[in-house]
Amino acid sequence: MPWYLFIAFIFILGFTTFAIQNAQQITLHFLGWQIASFPLVMLLVFSVLLGAGTTLLFSLPKQIKIAGRNREANDRILQLEKELVLAKANKNQ
């Protein structure tokens, strides 16, 4: 099992345990709004999803850049392999 899946499993297990133990209702205040009897578990889930989404959003440009570099490298590899085949064919003649 890759190490990051193990870390994700431990995180999910810890989060689930924490959420189950903190299932009480709270009053949520945000920018003048007030929501009475809001489940703390829902606030925790929303916070985790918001954090994961933000992380994904900020890492996307780097992932796109890396994918472009990989594509360029693969194209260069194919070009060099074709040149190698041609060089071997010319050498054998």
N, C-alpha and C. Protein backbone atom coordinates (compact mmCIF):
# COMPACT_ATOMS: atom_id res chain seq x y z
N MET A 1 0.86 -1.18 0.00
CA MET A 1 0.00 0.00 0.00
C MET A 1 0.90 1.24 0.00
N PRO A 2 0.67 2.18 -0.93
CA PRO A 2 1.48 3.40 -0.94
C PRO A 2 1.32 4.18 0.37
N TRP A 3 2.37 4.87 0.73
CA TRP A 3 2.40 5.57 2.02
C TRP A 3 1.31 6.63 2.12
N TYR A 4 0.98 7.32 1.01
CA TYR A 4 -0.01 8.39 1.09
C TYR A 4 -1.41 7.83 1.34
N LEU A 5 -1.70 6.61 0.88
CA LEU A 5 -2.98 6.01 1.19
C LEU A 5 -3.07 5.65 2.67
N PHE A 6 -1.96 5.21 3.23
CA PHE A 6 -1.92 4.91 4.66
C PHE A 6 -2.16 6.19 5.47
N ILE A 7 -1.51 7.28 5.08
CA ILE A 7 -1.71 8.57 5.77
C ILE A 7 -3.16 9.02 5.63
N ALA A 8 -3.74 8.88 4.44
CA ALA A 8 -5.14 9.27 4.22
C ALA A 8 -6.07 8.43 5.08
N PHE A 9 -5.79 7.13 5.16
CA PHE A 9 -6.62 6.25 5.99
C PHE A 9 -6.56 6.67 7.45
N ILE A 10 -5.38 6.96 7.96
CA ILE A 10 -5.22 7.40 9.36
C ILE A 10 -5.97 8.71 9.58
N PHE A 11 -5.86 9.64 8.63
CA PHE A 11 -6.56 10.93 8.75
C PHE A 11 -8.07 10.72 8.77
N ILE A 12 -8.59 9.90 7.88
CA ILE A 12 -10.04 9.65 7.81
C ILE A 12 -10.52 8.96 9.09
N LEU A 13 -9.75 8.01 9.58
CA LEU A 13 -10.10 7.32 10.82
C LEU A 13 -10.14 8.30 11.99
N GLY A 14 -9.12 9.15 12.09
CA GLY A 14 -9.10 10.15 13.17
C GLY A 14 -10.23 11.15 13.04
N PHE A 15 -10.50 11.61 11.82
CA PHE A 15 -11.58 12.57 11.61
C PHE A 15 -12.92 11.95 11.96
N THR A 16 -13.14 10.71 11.55
CA THR A 16 -14.41 10.04 11.84
C THR A 16 -14.60 9.87 13.34
N THR A 17 -13.55 9.46 14.02
CA THR A 17 -13.62 9.30 15.48
C THR A 17 -13.94 10.63 16.15
N PHE A 18 -13.26 11.70 15.72
CA PHE A 18 -13.50 13.02 16.28
C PHE A 18 -14.93 13.49 16.01
N ALA A 19 -15.42 13.25 14.79
CA ALA A 19 -16.76 13.68 14.42
C ALA A 19 -17.83 12.94 15.23
N ILE A 20 -17.64 11.65 15.44
CA ILE A 20 -18.62 10.87 16.20
C ILE A 20 -18.67 11.33 17.65
N GLN A 21 -17.51 11.67 18.20
CA GLN A 21 -17.46 12.09 19.60
C GLN A 21 -17.93 13.53 19.79
N ASN A 22 -18.07 14.30 18.73
CA ASN A 22 -18.50 15.69 18.81
C ASN A 22 -19.75 15.91 17.96
N ALA A 23 -20.78 15.14 18.22
CA ALA A 23 -22.00 15.17 17.40
C ALA A 23 -23.05 16.14 17.94
N GLN A 24 -22.72 16.95 18.93
CA GLN A 24 -23.72 17.82 19.54
C GLN A 24 -24.12 18.97 18.60
N GLN A 25 -25.22 19.58 18.93
CA GLN A 25 -25.73 20.71 18.16
C GLN A 25 -25.08 22.00 18.68
N ILE A 26 -24.79 22.92 17.76
CA ILE A 26 -24.20 24.20 18.14
C ILE A 26 -24.98 25.33 17.48
N THR A 27 -24.76 26.55 17.96
CA THR A 27 -25.30 27.73 17.30
C THR A 27 -24.16 28.34 16.52
N LEU A 28 -24.36 28.46 15.22
CA LEU A 28 -23.32 28.94 14.32
C LEU A 28 -23.55 30.42 14.04
N HIS A 29 -22.51 31.24 14.25
CA HIS A 29 -22.55 32.66 13.96
C HIS A 29 -21.54 32.97 12.87
N PHE A 30 -21.99 33.66 11.80
CA PHE A 30 -21.09 34.02 10.72
C PHE A 30 -21.59 35.29 10.05
N LEU A 31 -20.78 36.36 10.13
CA LEU A 31 -21.08 37.64 9.48
C LEU A 31 -22.51 38.13 9.73
N GLY A 32 -22.92 38.07 10.95
CA GLY A 32 -24.25 38.55 11.31
C GLY A 32 -25.34 37.52 11.15
N TRP A 33 -25.07 36.42 10.51
CA TRP A 33 -26.05 35.35 10.39
C TRP A 33 -25.94 34.44 11.60
N GLN A 34 -27.04 33.82 11.93
CA GLN A 34 -27.04 32.89 13.05
C GLN A 34 -27.88 31.68 12.67
N ILE A 35 -27.30 30.52 12.84
CA ILE A 35 -28.00 29.26 12.58
C ILE A 35 -28.03 28.49 13.89
N ALA A 36 -29.23 28.31 14.41
CA ALA A 36 -29.38 27.59 15.66
C ALA A 36 -29.47 26.09 15.37
N SER A 37 -29.03 25.30 16.28
CA SER A 37 -29.07 23.84 16.20
C SER A 37 -28.40 23.31 14.94
N PHE A 38 -27.18 23.74 14.70
CA PHE A 38 -26.40 23.27 13.57
C PHE A 38 -25.50 22.15 14.06
N PRO A 39 -25.50 20.99 13.40
CA PRO A 39 -24.65 19.88 13.87
C PRO A 39 -23.16 20.20 13.70
N LEU A 40 -22.40 20.02 14.74
CA LEU A 40 -20.96 20.26 14.71
C LEU A 40 -20.29 19.38 13.67
N VAL A 41 -20.81 18.17 13.48
CA VAL A 41 -20.24 17.24 12.49
C VAL A 41 -20.31 17.86 11.10
N MET A 42 -21.41 18.51 10.77
CA MET A 42 -21.55 19.13 9.45
C MET A 42 -20.55 20.27 9.27
N LEU A 43 -20.31 21.04 10.33
CA LEU A 43 -19.32 22.10 10.26
C LEU A 43 -17.92 21.52 10.03
N LEU A 44 -17.62 20.42 10.69
CA LEU A 44 -16.33 19.77 10.50
C LEU A 44 -16.18 19.23 9.09
N VAL A 45 -17.21 18.58 8.57
CA VAL A 45 -17.16 18.04 7.20
C VAL A 45 -16.99 19.18 6.20
N PHE A 46 -17.75 20.25 6.37
CA PHE A 46 -17.64 21.40 5.48
C PHE A 46 -16.23 21.99 5.53
N SER A 47 -15.67 22.11 6.71
CA SER A 47 -14.32 22.67 6.86
C SER A 47 -13.27 21.80 6.17
N VAL A 48 -13.37 20.49 6.33
CA VAL A 48 -12.42 19.58 5.69
C VAL A 48 -12.55 19.65 4.17
N LEU A 49 -13.78 19.66 3.67
CA LEU A 49 -13.99 19.74 2.22
C LEU A 49 -13.51 21.07 1.66
N LEU A 50 -13.74 22.15 2.39
CA LEU A 50 -13.27 23.46 1.95
C LEU A 50 -11.74 23.50 1.92
N GLY A 51 -11.10 22.92 2.91
CA GLY A 51 -9.64 22.85 2.94
C GLY A 51 -9.08 22.01 1.80
N ALA A 52 -9.70 20.87 1.54
CA ALA A 52 -9.26 20.00 0.45
C ALA A 52 -9.46 20.69 -0.90
N GLY A 53 -10.58 21.36 -1.07
CA GLY A 53 -10.84 22.07 -2.32
C GLY A 53 -9.88 23.21 -2.54
N THR A 54 -9.56 23.95 -1.49
CA THR A 54 -8.61 25.05 -1.60
C THR A 54 -7.22 24.53 -1.95
N THR A 55 -6.82 23.44 -1.31
CA THR A 55 -5.53 22.83 -1.61
C THR A 55 -5.46 22.39 -3.07
N LEU A 56 -6.52 21.75 -3.54
CA LEU A 56 -6.57 21.32 -4.93
C LEU A 56 -6.49 22.51 -5.88
N LEU A 57 -7.23 23.56 -5.56
CA LEU A 57 -7.25 24.75 -6.41
C LEU A 57 -5.87 25.39 -6.53
N PHE A 58 -5.16 25.49 -5.42
CA PHE A 58 -3.84 26.11 -5.44
C PHE A 58 -2.75 25.21 -6.02
N SER A 59 -2.97 23.90 -6.01
CA SER A 59 -1.96 22.99 -6.57
C SER A 59 -2.19 22.72 -8.06
N LEU A 60 -3.34 23.09 -8.58
CA LEU A 60 -3.67 22.82 -9.98
C LEU A 60 -2.70 23.44 -10.98
N PRO A 61 -2.31 24.72 -10.84
CA PRO A 61 -1.36 25.28 -11.82
C PRO A 61 -0.04 24.51 -11.88
N LYS A 62 0.47 24.10 -10.74
CA LYS A 62 1.72 23.35 -10.72
C LYS A 62 1.54 21.99 -11.39
N GLN A 63 0.41 21.33 -11.14
CA GLN A 63 0.15 20.03 -11.76
C GLN A 63 0.04 20.16 -13.27
N ILE A 64 -0.58 21.24 -13.75
CA ILE A 64 -0.69 21.47 -15.19
C ILE A 64 0.69 21.70 -15.79
N LYS A 65 1.53 22.47 -15.09
CA LYS A 65 2.89 22.73 -15.56
C LYS A 65 3.70 21.43 -15.64
N ILE A 66 3.58 20.60 -14.63
CA ILE A 66 4.30 19.32 -14.61
C ILE A 66 3.82 18.42 -15.74
N ALA A 67 2.51 18.39 -15.98
CA ALA A 67 1.97 17.57 -17.07
C ALA A 67 2.50 18.05 -18.41
N GLY A 68 2.62 19.36 -18.59
CA GLY A 68 3.18 19.90 -19.83
C GLY A 68 4.64 19.50 -20.02
N ARG A 69 5.41 19.58 -18.95
CA ARG A 69 6.82 19.16 -19.03
C ARG A 69 6.94 17.68 -19.36
N ASN A 70 6.09 16.86 -18.75
CA ASN A 70 6.10 15.42 -19.05
C ASN A 70 5.77 15.16 -20.51
N ARG A 71 4.79 15.86 -21.03
CA ARG A 71 4.40 15.70 -22.43
C ARG A 71 5.56 16.08 -23.34
N GLU A 72 6.23 17.20 -23.04
CA GLU A 72 7.39 17.62 -23.84
C GLU A 72 8.51 16.59 -23.77
N ALA A 73 8.77 16.07 -22.58
CA ALA A 73 9.82 15.07 -22.41
C ALA A 73 9.49 13.79 -23.19
N ASN A 74 8.24 13.37 -23.15
CA ASN A 74 7.84 12.17 -23.89
C ASN A 74 7.97 12.39 -25.40
N ASP A 75 7.60 13.58 -25.86
CA ASP A 75 7.76 13.89 -27.28
C ASP A 75 9.24 13.84 -27.67
N ARG A 76 10.11 14.38 -26.82
CA ARG A 76 11.55 14.38 -27.08
C ARG A 76 12.10 12.94 -27.10
N ILE A 77 11.62 12.11 -26.19
CA ILE A 77 12.05 10.71 -26.14
C ILE A 77 11.67 10.01 -27.44
N LEU A 78 10.43 10.21 -27.90
CA LEU A 78 10.01 9.59 -29.16
C LEU A 78 10.87 10.06 -30.33
N GLN A 79 11.19 11.35 -30.35
CA GLN A 79 12.03 11.89 -31.42
C GLN A 79 13.42 11.25 -31.39
N LEU A 80 14.01 11.15 -30.20
CA LEU A 80 15.34 10.56 -30.08
C LEU A 80 15.33 9.06 -30.43
N GLU A 81 14.26 8.36 -30.08
CA GLU A 81 14.17 6.94 -30.44
C GLU A 81 14.11 6.78 -31.96
N LYS A 82 13.37 7.65 -32.64
CA LYS A 82 13.32 7.59 -34.10
C LYS A 82 14.69 7.87 -34.71
N GLU A 83 15.39 8.85 -34.15
CA GLU A 83 16.74 9.16 -34.63
C GLU A 83 17.69 7.99 -34.41
N LEU A 84 17.54 7.31 -33.28
CA LEU A 84 18.39 6.14 -32.98
C LEU A 84 18.14 5.02 -33.98
N VAL A 85 16.88 4.77 -34.28
CA VAL A 85 16.55 3.73 -35.26
C VAL A 85 17.16 4.08 -36.62
N LEU A 86 17.04 5.35 -37.03
CA LEU A 86 17.61 5.78 -38.31
C LEU A 86 19.14 5.65 -38.30
N ALA A 87 19.78 6.02 -37.18
CA ALA A 87 21.23 5.94 -37.07
C ALA A 87 21.69 4.48 -37.15
N LYS A 88 20.96 3.57 -36.50
CA LYS A 88 21.32 2.15 -36.56
C LYS A 88 21.13 1.60 -37.97
N ALA A 89 20.07 2.05 -38.63
CA ALA A 89 19.82 1.60 -40.01
C ALA A 89 20.92 2.09 -40.94
N ASN A 90 21.36 3.33 -40.78
CA ASN A 90 22.44 3.88 -41.61
C ASN A 90 23.77 3.19 -41.33
N LYS A 91 23.98 2.81 -40.08
CA LYS A 91 25.24 2.15 -39.70
C LYS A 91 25.32 0.75 -40.29
N ASN A 92 24.20 0.06 -40.37
CA ASN A 92 24.15 -1.30 -40.90
C ASN A 92 24.27 -1.35 -42.42
N GLN A 93 24.13 -0.25 -43.09
CA GLN A 93 24.20 -0.24 -44.55
C GLN A 93 25.61 -0.23 -45.05
